[in-house]
Structure formats: C-alpha cells, structure tokens
C-alpha atoms as a PDB file:
ATOM      1  CA  UNK A   1       0.000   0.000   0.000  1.00  0.00           C
ATOM      2  CA  UNK A   2       2.877   2.378   0.761  1.00  0.00           C
ATOM      3  CA  UNK A   3       4.430   1.816  -2.647  1.00  0.00           C
ATOM      4  CA  UNK A   4       1.281   3.152  -4.317  1.00  0.00           C
ATOM      5  CA  UNK A   5       1.638   6.390  -2.373  1.00  0.00           C
ATOM      6  CA  UNK A   6       5.228   6.826  -3.497  1.00  0.00           C
ATOM      7  CA  UNK A   7       4.262   5.994  -7.065  1.00  0.00           C
ATOM      8  CA  UNK A   8       1.466   8.596  -7.011  1.00  0.00           C
ATOM      9  CA  UNK A   9       3.766  11.222  -5.504  1.00  0.00           C
ATOM     10  CA  UNK A  10       6.449  10.524  -8.109  1.00  0.00           C
ATOM     11  CA  UNK A  11       3.928  10.661 -10.949  1.00  0.00           C
ATOM     12  CA  UNK A  12       2.510  13.948  -9.636  1.00  0.00           C
ATOM     13  CA  UNK A  13       5.982  15.487  -9.406  1.00  0.00           C
ATOM     14  CA  UNK A  14       6.797  14.311 -12.938  1.00  0.00           C
ATOM     15  CA  UNK A  15       3.586  15.930 -14.168  1.00  0.00           C
ATOM     16  CA  UNK A  16       4.382  19.213 -12.461  1.00  0.00           C
ATOM     17  CA  UNK A  17       7.895  19.253 -13.930  1.00  0.00           C
ATOM     18  CA  UNK A  18       6.611  18.424 -17.408  1.00  0.00           C
ATOM     19  CA  UNK A  19       4.005  21.199 -17.184  1.00  0.00           C
ATOM     20  CA  UNK A  20       6.571  23.724 -16.018  1.00  0.00           C
ATOM     21  CA  UNK A  21       8.933  22.739 -18.827  1.00  0.00           C
ATOM     22  CA  UNK A  22       6.234  23.130 -21.472  1.00  0.00           C
ATOM     23  CA  UNK A  23       5.176  26.515 -20.118  1.00  0.00           C
ATOM     24  CA  UNK A  24       8.775  27.756 -20.266  1.00  0.00           C
ATOM     25  CA  UNK A  25       9.020  26.634 -23.884  1.00  0.00           C
ATOM     26  CA  UNK A  26       5.832  28.530 -24.749  1.00  0.00           C
ATOM     27  CA  UNK A  27       7.101  31.683 -23.048  1.00  0.00           C
ATOM     28  CA  UNK A  28      10.314  31.548 -25.064  1.00  0.00           C
ATOM     29  CA  UNK A  29       8.365  30.923 -28.274  1.00  0.00           C
ATOM     30  CA  UNK A  30       6.160  33.986 -27.680  1.00  0.00           C
ATOM     31  CA  UNK A  31       9.175  36.189 -26.980  1.00  0.00           C
ATOM     32  CA  UNK A  32      10.826  34.959 -30.158  1.00  0.00           C
ATOM     33  CA  UNK A  33       7.611  35.461 -32.162  1.00  0.00           C
ATOM     34  CA  UNK A  34       7.382  39.073 -31.048  1.00  0.00           C
ATOM     35  CA  UNK A  35      10.101  39.901 -33.590  1.00  0.00           C
ATOM     36  CA  UNK A  36       8.905  37.458 -36.253  1.00  0.00           C
ATOM     37  CA  UNK A  37       8.583  38.540 -39.879  1.00  0.00           C
ATOM     38  CA  UNK A  38       4.919  37.389 -39.768  1.00  0.00           C
ATOM     39  CA  UNK A  39       2.511  40.050 -38.420  1.00  0.00           C
ATOM     40  CA  UNK A  40       0.042  37.431 -37.125  1.00  0.00           C
ATOM     41  CA  UNK A  41       2.718  35.856 -34.932  1.00  0.00           C
ATOM     42  CA  UNK A  42       3.662  39.295 -33.631  1.00  0.00           C
ATOM     43  CA  UNK A  43       0.017  40.038 -32.812  1.00  0.00           C
ATOM     44  CA  UNK A  44      -0.340  36.723 -30.973  1.00  0.00           C
ATOM     45  CA  UNK A  45       2.843  37.402 -29.016  1.00  0.00           C
ATOM     46  CA  UNK A  46       1.519  40.838 -28.031  1.00  0.00           C
ATOM     47  CA  UNK A  47      -1.676  39.241 -26.768  1.00  0.00           C
ATOM     48  CA  UNK A  48       0.310  36.824 -24.663  1.00  0.00           C
ATOM     49  CA  UNK A  49       2.596  39.508 -23.269  1.00  0.00           C
ATOM     50  CA  UNK A  50      -0.395  41.666 -22.319  1.00  0.00           C
ATOM     51  CA  UNK A  51      -1.108  39.143 -19.569  1.00  0.00           C
ATOM     52  CA  UNK A  52       2.507  38.838 -18.431  1.00  0.00           C
ATOM     53  CA  UNK A  53       3.461  41.449 -15.850  1.00  0.00           C
ATOM     54  CA  UNK A  54       7.037  42.240 -14.923  1.00  0.00           C
ATOM     55  CA  UNK A  55       9.939  44.559 -15.586  1.00  0.00           C
ATOM     56  CA  UNK A  56      11.370  42.186 -18.202  1.00  0.00           C
ATOM     57  CA  UNK A  57       8.140  42.401 -20.182  1.00  0.00           C
ATOM     58  CA  UNK A  58       8.227  46.201 -20.050  1.00  0.00           C
ATOM     59  CA  UNK A  59      11.806  46.261 -21.380  1.00  0.00           C
ATOM     60  CA  UNK A  60      10.924  43.787 -24.115  1.00  0.00           C
ATOM     61  CA  UNK A  61       7.900  45.835 -25.179  1.00  0.00           C
ATOM     62  CA  UNK A  62       9.966  49.046 -25.273  1.00  0.00           C
ATOM     63  CA  UNK A  63      12.375  47.357 -27.682  1.00  0.00           C
ATOM     64  CA  UNK A  64       9.462  46.012 -29.708  1.00  0.00           C
ATOM     65  CA  UNK A  65       7.720  49.409 -30.014  1.00  0.00           C
ATOM     66  CA  UNK A  66      10.970  51.001 -31.232  1.00  0.00           C
ATOM     67  CA  UNK A  67      11.422  48.187 -33.782  1.00  0.00           C
ATOM     68  CA  UNK A  68       7.883  47.544 -35.093  1.00  0.00           C
ATOM     69  CA  UNK A  69       7.454  48.777 -38.690  1.00  0.00           C
ATOM     70  CA  UNK A  70       3.626  48.462 -38.860  1.00  0.00           C
ATOM     71  CA  UNK A  71       1.718  51.346 -37.245  1.00  0.00           C
ATOM     72  CA  UNK A  72      -1.240  49.215 -36.102  1.00  0.00           C
ATOM     73  CA  UNK A  73       0.952  46.721 -34.254  1.00  0.00           C
ATOM     74  CA  UNK A  74       3.154  49.509 -32.892  1.00  0.00           C
ATOM     75  CA  UNK A  75       0.094  51.263 -31.410  1.00  0.00           C
ATOM     76  CA  UNK A  76      -1.078  47.973 -29.884  1.00  0.00           C
ATOM     77  CA  UNK A  77       2.369  47.498 -28.348  1.00  0.00           C
ATOM     78  CA  UNK A  78       2.355  51.057 -26.993  1.00  0.00           C
ATOM     79  CA  UNK A  79      -1.073  50.519 -25.448  1.00  0.00           C
ATOM     80  CA  UNK A  80       0.026  47.323 -23.708  1.00  0.00           C
ATOM     81  CA  UNK A  81       3.256  49.005 -22.587  1.00  0.00           C
ATOM     82  CA  UNK A  82       1.376  51.922 -20.990  1.00  0.00           C
ATOM     83  CA  UNK A  83      -0.948  49.549 -19.141  1.00  0.00           C
ATOM     84  CA  UNK A  84       1.968  47.477 -17.821  1.00  0.00           C
ATOM     85  CA  UNK A  85       3.873  50.582 -16.711  1.00  0.00           C
ATOM     86  CA  UNK A  86       0.831  51.804 -14.779  1.00  0.00           C
ATOM     87  CA  UNK A  87       0.298  48.369 -13.235  1.00  0.00           C
ATOM     88  CA  UNK A  88       3.921  48.152 -12.094  1.00  0.00           C
ATOM     89  CA  UNK A  89       4.149  51.744 -10.819  1.00  0.00           C
END
C-alpha cells in the first residue's frame, strides 16, 4: 500500500515538472515570435505579453515598439506598454 503512495507522488511530481517545462518553452516561443517577420505571430505574441506582468516584459515591449514597422501593431504594443507601466508603478 505504501508503494502506491510513493508511485502517485512521483507521478505527480513528474507531471508538475513536465508542465513547467512546457510553459517555459511557450514563453520563449512567444518572446521569439514578437520579432517574427509574420505580423500574425507578432500580434499573438503581443496578446500573450499583455497578460505577463514584470519589468522584463516592459523592457521587451519598449524594444518592440521602437522596432515595429507596422503602425497598427506599434500602437497595440504602446497601449500594452502603458498599461503594464501603470500596473507596475
């Protein structure tokens, strides 16, 4: 009976580690897609970053706004940046 408890605990820990690993991969993919040559990927990355609060996100968005060639996406980035700066202030 005790071995089942250890098995369950080990399986739960493996699941948590796998979930954490996948989330980290997605975060890196969204950051990379922010500077993609495809506008749709950039828009999706902006949507993701809108829900991610932190000083690193603010710095990343400042770089993005300075780089973005399309006015519509640049304005969206500026809007998200302003909201994050207010939230962190």
